[in-house]
N, C-alpha and C. Protein backbone atom coordinates (compact mmCIF):
# COMPACT_ATOMS: atom_id res chain seq x y z
N MET A 1 -5.66 30.31 -40.55
CA MET A 1 -5.03 30.65 -40.92
C MET A 1 -4.62 32.15 -40.42
N SER A 2 -3.47 33.36 -40.14
CA SER A 2 -4.06 34.69 -39.49
C SER A 2 -3.55 35.41 -40.78
N SER A 3 -4.65 36.41 -40.83
CA SER A 3 -5.14 37.82 -40.74
C SER A 3 -3.19 38.22 -41.94
N SER A 4 -2.62 38.74 -40.20
CA SER A 4 -2.17 39.11 -40.80
C SER A 4 -0.18 38.95 -41.67
N GLY A 5 -0.54 37.68 -41.21
CA GLY A 5 0.66 36.93 -43.03
C GLY A 5 1.55 37.35 -41.80
N ASN A 6 1.32 37.01 -39.99
CA ASN A 6 3.47 37.24 -40.01
C ASN A 6 3.06 35.44 -38.95
N GLY A 7 2.33 34.23 -39.23
CA GLY A 7 2.78 32.88 -38.89
C GLY A 7 1.66 33.22 -36.95
N GLY A 8 0.70 34.23 -36.69
CA GLY A 8 0.40 34.26 -35.43
C GLY A 8 1.36 34.49 -34.13
N ALA A 9 3.02 35.46 -35.02
CA ALA A 9 3.23 36.07 -33.98
C ALA A 9 2.75 36.93 -33.72
N PRO A 10 3.26 38.08 -32.22
CA PRO A 10 2.69 39.36 -31.53
C PRO A 10 3.54 39.85 -32.79
N PRO A 11 2.70 41.86 -32.69
CA PRO A 11 3.51 42.42 -33.61
C PRO A 11 4.68 42.50 -32.83
N VAL A 12 5.62 42.80 -34.18
CA VAL A 12 7.27 43.64 -32.97
C VAL A 12 7.25 44.20 -32.53
N GLY A 13 7.91 43.90 -32.01
CA GLY A 13 8.17 44.88 -30.34
C GLY A 13 7.78 44.61 -29.77
N GLN A 14 6.52 43.40 -28.84
CA GLN A 14 4.77 42.74 -28.29
C GLN A 14 5.72 42.10 -27.80
N GLU A 15 6.78 41.41 -27.76
CA GLU A 15 7.56 39.70 -27.82
C GLU A 15 7.46 39.83 -25.44
N ASN A 16 6.48 38.25 -25.33
CA ASN A 16 6.96 38.74 -24.46
C ASN A 16 7.81 38.14 -23.32
N ILE A 17 8.63 38.14 -22.59
CA ILE A 17 9.70 38.30 -21.91
C ILE A 17 9.07 37.98 -20.44
N ASN A 18 10.31 36.25 -20.45
CA ASN A 18 10.41 35.83 -19.45
C ASN A 18 11.11 36.64 -18.12
N THR A 19 10.03 36.96 -17.01
CA THR A 19 10.93 36.88 -16.59
C THR A 19 10.47 36.01 -14.96
N ASP A 20 10.65 34.71 -15.43
CA ASP A 20 10.92 33.73 -14.22
C ASP A 20 11.79 33.19 -14.47
N ILE A 21 13.74 34.41 -14.37
CA ILE A 21 14.50 33.21 -14.45
C ILE A 21 15.28 33.39 -12.65
N VAL A 22 16.00 32.25 -13.47
CA VAL A 22 16.12 30.94 -11.38
C VAL A 22 17.41 31.15 -11.45
N THR A 23 18.50 30.33 -11.22
CA THR A 23 19.49 30.09 -10.54
C THR A 23 19.88 29.60 -11.32
N LEU A 24 21.37 28.89 -11.18
CA LEU A 24 21.14 27.42 -11.68
C LEU A 24 21.72 26.89 -9.84
N THR A 25 22.87 27.50 -8.81
CA THR A 25 22.68 27.36 -7.55
C THR A 25 21.16 27.10 -7.30
N ARG A 26 19.94 28.21 -7.52
CA ARG A 26 17.99 28.08 -6.58
C ARG A 26 17.93 26.86 -7.80
N PHE A 27 17.61 26.53 -8.26
CA PHE A 27 18.05 25.85 -9.61
C PHE A 27 17.48 23.74 -8.73
N LEU A 28 19.62 23.91 -8.71
CA LEU A 28 19.64 22.64 -7.43
C LEU A 28 19.29 22.17 -6.27
N THR A 29 19.01 23.85 -5.80
CA THR A 29 18.55 23.51 -4.93
C THR A 29 17.17 23.60 -4.39
N GLU A 30 15.60 23.26 -5.41
CA GLU A 30 14.79 23.24 -5.68
C GLU A 30 14.97 21.52 -5.70
N GLU A 31 15.82 21.81 -7.07
CA GLU A 31 15.33 20.42 -7.39
C GLU A 31 16.42 18.73 -6.69
N GLN A 32 16.89 18.96 -5.54
CA GLN A 32 17.51 18.06 -4.77
C GLN A 32 16.04 17.43 -3.61
N THR A 33 15.08 18.69 -3.13
CA THR A 33 14.28 18.85 -2.29
C THR A 33 12.73 17.47 -3.11
N LYS A 34 12.92 16.94 -3.78
CA LYS A 34 12.99 16.45 -4.65
C LYS A 34 13.27 14.48 -4.37
N VAL A 35 14.59 14.50 -4.63
CA VAL A 35 14.89 13.28 -3.64
C VAL A 35 15.54 13.11 -2.76
N PRO A 36 15.08 12.37 -2.72
CA PRO A 36 14.98 11.89 -1.14
C PRO A 36 16.44 11.38 -0.32
N GLU A 37 17.60 11.21 -1.54
CA GLU A 37 18.48 10.26 -0.19
C GLU A 37 19.85 11.97 -0.43
N ALA A 38 18.71 12.75 -1.62
CA ALA A 38 20.19 14.23 -1.92
C ALA A 38 20.52 14.79 -0.86
N THR A 39 21.54 15.32 -0.78
CA THR A 39 22.73 15.26 0.62
C THR A 39 22.85 17.22 0.86
N GLY A 40 22.82 17.87 -0.73
CA GLY A 40 22.51 19.27 -0.21
C GLY A 40 24.18 20.06 -0.49
N ASP A 41 25.42 19.08 -0.55
CA ASP A 41 26.64 18.76 -1.67
C ASP A 41 26.48 19.69 -2.96
N PHE A 42 26.73 20.11 -3.28
CA PHE A 42 27.92 20.59 -4.69
C PHE A 42 28.41 20.19 -5.84
N THR A 43 29.74 19.54 -4.33
CA THR A 43 30.34 19.12 -4.51
C THR A 43 30.81 16.98 -5.23
């Protein structure tokens, strides 16, 4: 059990920010490489 009483959460103002941001286009482009029959067309 946490002694700080905050349920194990980091102190206020110390939250980790996810900086690994991926655009939708980049995500789709990377994912299509996993599918052999993907054509690369977004239409």
